[in-house]
């Protein structure tokens, strides 16, 4: 039996931030979306098996989907 493993960064979350931020990439001024991301070991580069590393908090621009560390804002 052959197993092909890899890693993948998975992100989840849909809550809006309380204040507005300006995106450094596209310049949009809006309430960003709070996200949490984590690296996972995957089978066949698709199915997440178990998490590796610490969870990272970030915010995402609703216009261009650029992500920034939550501590930067």
PDB file of N, CA and C in Angstrom:
ATOM      1  N   UNK A   1       0.846  -1.177   0.000  1.00  0.00           N
ATOM      2  CA  UNK A   1       0.000   0.000   0.000  1.00  0.00           C
ATOM      3  C   UNK A   1       0.889   1.238   0.000  1.00  0.00           C
ATOM      4  N   UNK A   2       0.554   2.191  -0.829  1.00  0.00           N
ATOM      5  CA  UNK A   2       1.330   3.418  -0.945  1.00  0.00           C
ATOM      6  C   UNK A   2       0.499   4.587  -0.405  1.00  0.00           C
ATOM      7  N   UNK A   3       1.120   5.362   0.481  1.00  0.00           N
ATOM      8  CA  UNK A   3       0.490   6.580   1.001  1.00  0.00           C
ATOM      9  C   UNK A   3       1.281   7.776   0.512  1.00  0.00           C
ATOM     10  N   UNK A   4       0.599   8.739  -0.028  1.00  0.00           N
ATOM     11  CA  UNK A   4       1.232   9.980  -0.440  1.00  0.00           C
ATOM     12  C   UNK A   4       0.790  11.045   0.556  1.00  0.00           C
ATOM     13  N   UNK A   5       1.770  11.638   1.253  1.00  0.00           N
ATOM     14  CA  UNK A   5       1.429  12.641   2.261  1.00  0.00           C
ATOM     15  C   UNK A   5       2.030  13.989   1.872  1.00  0.00           C
ATOM     16  N   UNK A   6       1.457  15.037   2.432  1.00  0.00           N
ATOM     17  CA  UNK A   6       1.935  16.394   2.212  1.00  0.00           C
ATOM     18  C   UNK A   6       1.446  17.288   3.325  1.00  0.00           C
ATOM     19  N   UNK A   7       1.524  18.584   3.119  1.00  0.00           N
ATOM     20  CA  UNK A   7       1.009  19.542   4.090  1.00  0.00           C
ATOM     21  C   UNK A   7       0.107  20.533   3.374  1.00  0.00           C
ATOM     22  N   UNK A   8      -0.808  21.103   4.139  1.00  0.00           N
ATOM     23  CA  UNK A   8      -1.732  22.091   3.595  1.00  0.00           C
ATOM     24  C   UNK A   8      -2.101  23.070   4.699  1.00  0.00           C
ATOM     25  N   UNK A   9      -2.212  24.340   4.342  1.00  0.00           N
ATOM     26  CA  UNK A   9      -2.632  25.373   5.286  1.00  0.00           C
ATOM     27  C   UNK A   9      -4.128  25.562   5.119  1.00  0.00           C
ATOM     28  N   UNK A  10      -4.906  25.208   6.132  1.00  0.00           N
ATOM     29  CA  UNK A  10      -6.372  25.338   6.085  1.00  0.00           C
ATOM     30  C   UNK A  10      -6.799  26.536   6.912  1.00  0.00           C
ATOM     31  N   UNK A  11      -7.773  27.277   6.389  1.00  0.00           N
ATOM     32  CA  UNK A  11      -8.264  28.498   7.026  1.00  0.00           C
ATOM     33  C   UNK A  11      -9.760  28.392   7.241  1.00  0.00           C
ATOM     34  N   UNK A  12     -10.234  28.908   8.388  1.00  0.00           N
ATOM     35  CA  UNK A  12     -11.669  28.931   8.660  1.00  0.00           C
ATOM     36  C   UNK A  12     -12.018  30.211   9.410  1.00  0.00           C
ATOM     37  N   UNK A  13     -13.288  30.570   9.356  1.00  0.00           N
ATOM     38  CA  UNK A  13     -13.769  31.756  10.067  1.00  0.00           C
ATOM     39  C   UNK A  13     -14.537  32.677   9.148  1.00  0.00           C
ATOM     40  N   UNK A  14     -15.544  33.366   9.716  1.00  0.00           N
ATOM     41  CA  UNK A  14     -16.344  34.273   8.898  1.00  0.00           C
ATOM     42  C   UNK A  14     -16.842  35.489   9.678  1.00  0.00           C
ATOM     43  N   UNK A  15     -16.329  35.703  10.867  1.00  0.00           N
ATOM     44  CA  UNK A  15     -16.765  36.831  11.693  1.00  0.00           C
ATOM     45  C   UNK A  15     -16.083  38.117  11.228  1.00  0.00           C
ATOM     46  N   UNK A  16     -16.821  39.211  11.183  1.00  0.00           N
ATOM     47  CA  UNK A  16     -16.288  40.516  10.772  1.00  0.00           C
ATOM     48  C   UNK A  16     -15.591  41.201  11.946  1.00  0.00           C
ATOM     49  N   UNK A  17     -14.593  42.023  11.637  1.00  0.00           N
ATOM     50  CA  UNK A  17     -13.919  42.809  12.674  1.00  0.00           C
ATOM     51  C   UNK A  17     -14.833  43.955  13.104  1.00  0.00           C
ATOM     52  N   UNK A  18     -14.629  44.461  14.312  1.00  0.00           N
ATOM     53  CA  UNK A  18     -15.466  45.553  14.833  1.00  0.00           C
ATOM     54  C   UNK A  18     -15.150  46.879  14.133  1.00  0.00           C
ATOM     55  N   UNK A  19     -13.877  47.106  13.811  1.00  0.00           N
ATOM     56  CA  UNK A  19     -13.488  48.367  13.179  1.00  0.00           C
ATOM     57  C   UNK A  19     -13.081  48.132  11.716  1.00  0.00           C
ATOM     58  N   UNK A  20     -13.003  49.218  10.974  1.00  0.00           N
ATOM     59  CA  UNK A  20     -12.612  49.128   9.574  1.00  0.00           C
ATOM     60  C   UNK A  20     -11.095  49.233   9.448  1.00  0.00           C
ATOM     61  N   UNK A  21     -10.542  48.568   8.440  1.00  0.00           N
ATOM     62  CA  UNK A  21      -9.109  48.595   8.158  1.00  0.00           C
ATOM     63  C   UNK A  21      -8.919  48.922   6.690  1.00  0.00           C
ATOM     64  N   UNK A  22      -7.747  49.444   6.347  1.00  0.00           N
ATOM     65  CA  UNK A  22      -7.419  49.694   4.947  1.00  0.00           C
ATOM     66  C   UNK A  22      -6.472  48.590   4.477  1.00  0.00           C
ATOM     67  N   UNK A  23      -6.816  47.981   3.366  1.00  0.00           N
ATOM     68  CA  UNK A  23      -6.011  46.903   2.792  1.00  0.00           C
ATOM     69  C   UNK A  23      -4.763  47.503   2.146  1.00  0.00           C
ATOM     70  N   UNK A  24      -3.596  46.919   2.432  1.00  0.00           N
ATOM     71  CA  UNK A  24      -2.349  47.393   1.858  1.00  0.00           C
ATOM     72  C   UNK A  24      -2.221  47.017   0.388  1.00  0.00           C
ATOM     73  N   UNK A  25      -2.916  45.964  -0.034  1.00  0.00           N
ATOM     74  CA  UNK A  25      -2.813  45.513  -1.418  1.00  0.00           C
ATOM     75  C   UNK A  25      -3.727  46.295  -2.357  1.00  0.00           C
ATOM     76  N   UNK A  26      -5.040  46.385  -2.029  1.00  0.00           N
ATOM     77  CA  UNK A  26      -5.993  47.002  -2.953  1.00  0.00           C
ATOM     78  C   UNK A  26      -6.499  48.369  -2.503  1.00  0.00           C
ATOM     79  N   UNK A  27      -6.232  48.761  -1.243  1.00  0.00           N
ATOM     80  CA  UNK A  27      -6.636  50.072  -0.761  1.00  0.00           C
ATOM     81  C   UNK A  27      -8.069  50.169  -0.254  1.00  0.00           C
ATOM     82  N   UNK A  28      -8.802  49.065  -0.210  1.00  0.00           N
ATOM     83  CA  UNK A  28     -10.190  49.063   0.251  1.00  0.00           C
ATOM     84  C   UNK A  28     -10.258  49.369   1.748  1.00  0.00           C
ATOM     85  N   UNK A  29     -11.194  50.197   2.147  1.00  0.00           N
ATOM     86  CA  UNK A  29     -11.464  50.480   3.553  1.00  0.00           C
ATOM     87  C   UNK A  29     -12.747  49.736   3.908  1.00  0.00           C
ATOM     88  N   UNK A  30     -12.633  48.711   4.752  1.00  0.00           N
ATOM     89  CA  UNK A  30     -13.791  47.869   5.060  1.00  0.00           C
ATOM     90  C   UNK A  30     -13.578  47.115   6.368  1.00  0.00           C
ATOM     91  N   UNK A  31     -14.641  46.471   6.838  1.00  0.00           N
ATOM     92  CA  UNK A  31     -14.529  45.550   7.964  1.00  0.00           C
ATOM     93  C   UNK A  31     -13.945  44.252   7.413  1.00  0.00           C
ATOM     94  N   UNK A  32     -12.809  43.855   7.926  1.00  0.00           N
ATOM     95  CA  UNK A  32     -12.157  42.636   7.462  1.00  0.00           C
ATOM     96  C   UNK A  32     -12.787  41.415   8.110  1.00  0.00           C
ATOM     97  N   UNK A  33     -12.459  40.235   7.617  1.00  0.00           N
ATOM     98  CA  UNK A  33     -13.000  38.980   8.125  1.00  0.00           C
ATOM     99  C   UNK A  33     -11.943  38.307   8.998  1.00  0.00           C
ATOM    100  N   UNK A  34     -12.320  37.957  10.236  1.00  0.00           N
ATOM    101  CA  UNK A  34     -11.406  37.264  11.146  1.00  0.00           C
ATOM    102  C   UNK A  34     -11.276  35.813  10.698  1.00  0.00           C
ATOM    103  N   UNK A  35     -10.039  35.328  10.606  1.00  0.00           N
ATOM    104  CA  UNK A  35      -9.771  33.959  10.179  1.00  0.00           C
ATOM    105  C   UNK A  35      -8.774  33.318  11.133  1.00  0.00           C
ATOM    106  N   UNK A  36      -8.817  31.993  11.220  1.00  0.00           N
ATOM    107  CA  UNK A  36      -7.835  31.209  11.944  1.00  0.00           C
ATOM    108  C   UNK A  36      -7.300  30.160  10.993  1.00  0.00           C
ATOM    109  N   UNK A  37      -5.982  30.030  10.933  1.00  0.00           N
ATOM    110  CA  UNK A  37      -5.384  29.068  10.024  1.00  0.00           C
ATOM    111  C   UNK A  37      -4.392  28.166  10.731  1.00  0.00           C
ATOM    112  N   UNK A  38      -4.185  26.988  10.149  1.00  0.00           N
ATOM    113  CA  UNK A  38      -3.278  26.020  10.749  1.00  0.00           C
ATOM    114  C   UNK A  38      -2.771  25.065   9.668  1.00  0.00           C
ATOM    115  N   UNK A  39      -1.525  24.634   9.795  1.00  0.00           N
ATOM    116  CA  UNK A  39      -0.975  23.634   8.890  1.00  0.00           C
ATOM    117  C   UNK A  39      -1.426  22.242   9.303  1.00  0.00           C
ATOM    118  N   UNK A  40      -1.719  21.405   8.308  1.00  0.00           N
ATOM    119  CA  UNK A  40      -2.136  20.026   8.546  1.00  0.00           C
ATOM    120  C   UNK A  40      -1.295  19.073   7.699  1.00  0.00           C
ATOM    121  N   UNK A  41      -1.040  17.892   8.232  1.00  0.00           N
ATOM    122  CA  UNK A  41      -0.498  16.791   7.434  1.00  0.00           C
ATOM    123  C   UNK A  41      -1.681  16.234   6.657  1.00  0.00           C
ATOM    124  N   UNK A  42      -1.498  15.999   5.363  1.00  0.00           N
ATOM    125  CA  UNK A  42      -2.599  15.528   4.526  1.00  0.00           C
ATOM    126  C   UNK A  42      -2.256  14.196   3.865  1.00  0.00           C
ATOM    127  N   UNK A  43      -3.272  13.427   3.562  1.00  0.00           N
ATOM    128  CA  UNK A  43      -3.130  12.223   2.749  1.00  0.00           C
ATOM    129  C   UNK A  43      -3.488  12.586   1.326  1.00  0.00           C
ATOM    130  N   UNK A  44      -2.661  12.195   0.399  1.00  0.00           N
ATOM    131  CA  UNK A  44      -2.871  12.455  -1.018  1.00  0.00           C
ATOM    132  C   UNK A  44      -3.022  13.957  -1.295  1.00  0.00           C
ATOM    133  N   UNK A  45      -2.413  14.813  -0.441  1.00  0.00           N
ATOM    134  CA  UNK A  45      -2.423  16.271  -0.558  1.00  0.00           C
ATOM    135  C   UNK A  45      -3.826  16.870  -0.491  1.00  0.00           C
ATOM    136  N   UNK A  46      -4.823  16.106  -0.024  1.00  0.00           N
ATOM    137  CA  UNK A  46      -6.200  16.600   0.008  1.00  0.00           C
ATOM    138  C   UNK A  46      -6.823  16.464   1.396  1.00  0.00           C
ATOM    139  N   UNK A  47      -6.795  15.283   1.965  1.00  0.00           N
ATOM    140  CA  UNK A  47      -7.500  14.993   3.214  1.00  0.00           C
ATOM    141  C   UNK A  47      -6.651  15.365   4.430  1.00  0.00           C
ATOM    142  N   UNK A  48      -7.058  16.380   5.201  1.00  0.00           N
ATOM    143  CA  UNK A  48      -6.294  16.730   6.400  1.00  0.00           C
ATOM    144  C   UNK A  48      -6.406  15.625   7.448  1.00  0.00           C
ATOM    145  N   UNK A  49      -5.257  15.195   7.962  1.00  0.00           N
ATOM    146  CA  UNK A  49      -5.232  14.096   8.924  1.00  0.00           C
ATOM    147  C   UNK A  49      -5.087  14.616  10.345  1.00  0.00           C
ATOM    148  N   UNK A  50      -4.015  15.387  10.611  1.00  0.00           N
ATOM    149  CA  UNK A  50      -3.868  15.978  11.939  1.00  0.00           C
ATOM    150  C   UNK A  50      -3.089  17.285  11.841  1.00  0.00           C
ATOM    151  N   UNK A  51      -3.365  18.204  12.771  1.00  0.00           N
ATOM    152  CA  UNK A  51      -2.729  19.527  12.724  1.00  0.00           C
ATOM    153  C   UNK A  51      -1.273  19.477  13.173  1.00  0.00           C
ATOM    154  N   UNK A  52      -0.477  20.346  12.589  1.00  0.00           N
ATOM    155  CA  UNK A  52       0.908  20.531  13.035  1.00  0.00           C
ATOM    156  C   UNK A  52       1.114  22.025  13.262  1.00  0.00           C
ATOM    157  N   UNK A  53       1.879  22.372  14.260  1.00  0.00           N
ATOM    158  CA  UNK A  53       2.129  23.779  14.553  1.00  0.00           C
ATOM    159  C   UNK A  53       0.982  24.427  15.310  1.00  0.00           C
ATOM    160  N   UNK A  54       1.150  25.719  15.549  1.00  0.00           N
ATOM    161  CA  UNK A  54       0.160  26.486  16.300  1.00  0.00           C
ATOM    162  C   UNK A  54      -0.822  27.158  15.347  1.00  0.00           C
ATOM    163  N   UNK A  55      -2.014  27.412  15.854  1.00  0.00           N
ATOM    164  CA  UNK A  55      -3.026  28.136  15.077  1.00  0.00           C
ATOM    165  C   UNK A  55      -2.601  29.594  14.947  1.00  0.00           C
ATOM    166  N   UNK A  56      -2.877  30.196  13.786  1.00  0.00           N
ATOM    167  CA  UNK A  56      -2.530  31.587  13.531  1.00  0.00           C
ATOM    168  C   UNK A  56      -3.802  32.400  13.329  1.00  0.00           C
ATOM    169  N   UNK A  57      -3.894  33.536  14.027  1.00  0.00           N
ATOM    170  CA  UNK A  57      -5.026  34.441  13.862  1.00  0.00           C
ATOM    171  C   UNK A  57      -4.675  35.469  12.802  1.00  0.00           C
ATOM    172  N   UNK A  58      -5.609  35.701  11.882  1.00  0.00           N
ATOM    173  CA  UNK A  58      -5.374  36.654  10.806  1.00  0.00           C
ATOM    174  C   UNK A  58      -6.677  37.320  10.420  1.00  0.00           C
ATOM    175  N   UNK A  59      -6.569  38.363   9.622  1.00  0.00           N
ATOM    176  CA  UNK A  59      -7.751  39.014   9.060  1.00  0.00           C
ATOM    177  C   UNK A  59      -7.600  39.017   7.540  1.00  0.00           C
ATOM    178  N   UNK A  60      -8.741  38.981   6.847  1.00  0.00           N
ATOM    179  CA  UNK A  60      -8.734  38.871   5.389  1.00  0.00           C
ATOM    180  C   UNK A  60      -9.532  40.015   4.772  1.00  0.00           C
ATOM    181  N   UNK A  61      -9.005  40.610   3.731  1.00  0.00           N
ATOM    182  CA  UNK A  61      -9.698  41.676   3.004  1.00  0.00           C
ATOM    183  C   UNK A  61     -10.892  41.076   2.264  1.00  0.00           C
ATOM    184  N   UNK A  62     -12.086  41.654   2.407  1.00  0.00           N
ATOM    185  CA  UNK A  62     -13.256  41.110   1.720  1.00  0.00           C
ATOM    186  C   UNK A  62     -13.225  41.347   0.207  1.00  0.00           C
ATOM    187  N   UNK A  63     -12.376  42.268  -0.252  1.00  0.00           N
ATOM    188  CA  UNK A  63     -12.318  42.592  -1.671  1.00  0.00           C
ATOM    189  C   UNK A  63     -11.315  41.704  -2.429  1.00  0.00           C
ATOM    190  N   UNK A  64     -10.054  41.666  -1.986  1.00  0.00           N
ATOM    191  CA  UNK A  64      -9.017  40.948  -2.728  1.00  0.00           C
ATOM    192  C   UNK A  64      -8.539  39.673  -2.036  1.00  0.00           C
ATOM    193  N   UNK A  65      -9.058  39.347  -0.858  1.00  0.00           N
ATOM    194  CA  UNK A  65      -8.728  38.163  -0.079  1.00  0.00           C
ATOM    195  C   UNK A  65      -7.264  38.125   0.393  1.00  0.00           C
ATOM    196  N   UNK A  66      -6.616  39.277   0.478  1.00  0.00           N
ATOM    197  CA  UNK A  66      -5.265  39.341   1.057  1.00  0.00           C
ATOM    198  C   UNK A  66      -5.386  39.094   2.550  1.00  0.00           C
ATOM    199  N   UNK A  67      -4.450  38.320   3.104  1.00  0.00           N
ATOM    200  CA  UNK A  67      -4.490  38.001   4.533  1.00  0.00           C
ATOM    201  C   UNK A  67      -3.322  38.655   5.251  1.00  0.00           C
ATOM    202  N   UNK A  68      -3.621  39.151   6.466  1.00  0.00           N
ATOM    203  CA  UNK A  68      -2.624  39.807   7.300  1.00  0.00           C
ATOM    204  C   UNK A  68      -2.704  39.218   8.707  1.00  0.00           C
ATOM    205  N   UNK A  69      -1.564  39.213   9.415  1.00  0.00           N
ATOM    206  CA  UNK A  69      -1.550  38.777  10.801  1.00  0.00           C
ATOM    207  C   UNK A  69      -2.432  39.707  11.613  1.00  0.00           C
ATOM    208  N   UNK A  70      -3.241  39.188  12.493  1.00  0.00           N
ATOM    209  CA  UNK A  70      -4.168  39.999  13.294  1.00  0.00           C
ATOM    210  C   UNK A  70      -3.404  40.947  14.219  1.00  0.00           C
ATOM    211  N   UNK A  71      -2.214  40.578  14.643  1.00  0.00           N
ATOM    212  CA  UNK A  71      -1.436  41.427  15.538  1.00  0.00           C
ATOM    213  C   UNK A  71      -0.886  42.670  14.829  1.00  0.00           C
ATOM    214  N   UNK A  72      -0.833  42.661  13.499  1.00  0.00           N
ATOM    215  CA  UNK A  72      -0.328  43.807  12.733  1.00  0.00           C
ATOM    216  C   UNK A  72      -1.315  44.966  12.704  1.00  0.00           C
ATOM    217  N   UNK A  73      -2.599  44.706  12.999  1.00  0.00           N
ATOM    218  CA  UNK A  73      -3.623  45.748  12.911  1.00  0.00           C
ATOM    219  C   UNK A  73      -4.131  46.106  14.252  1.00  0.00           C
TER     220      UNK A  73
END
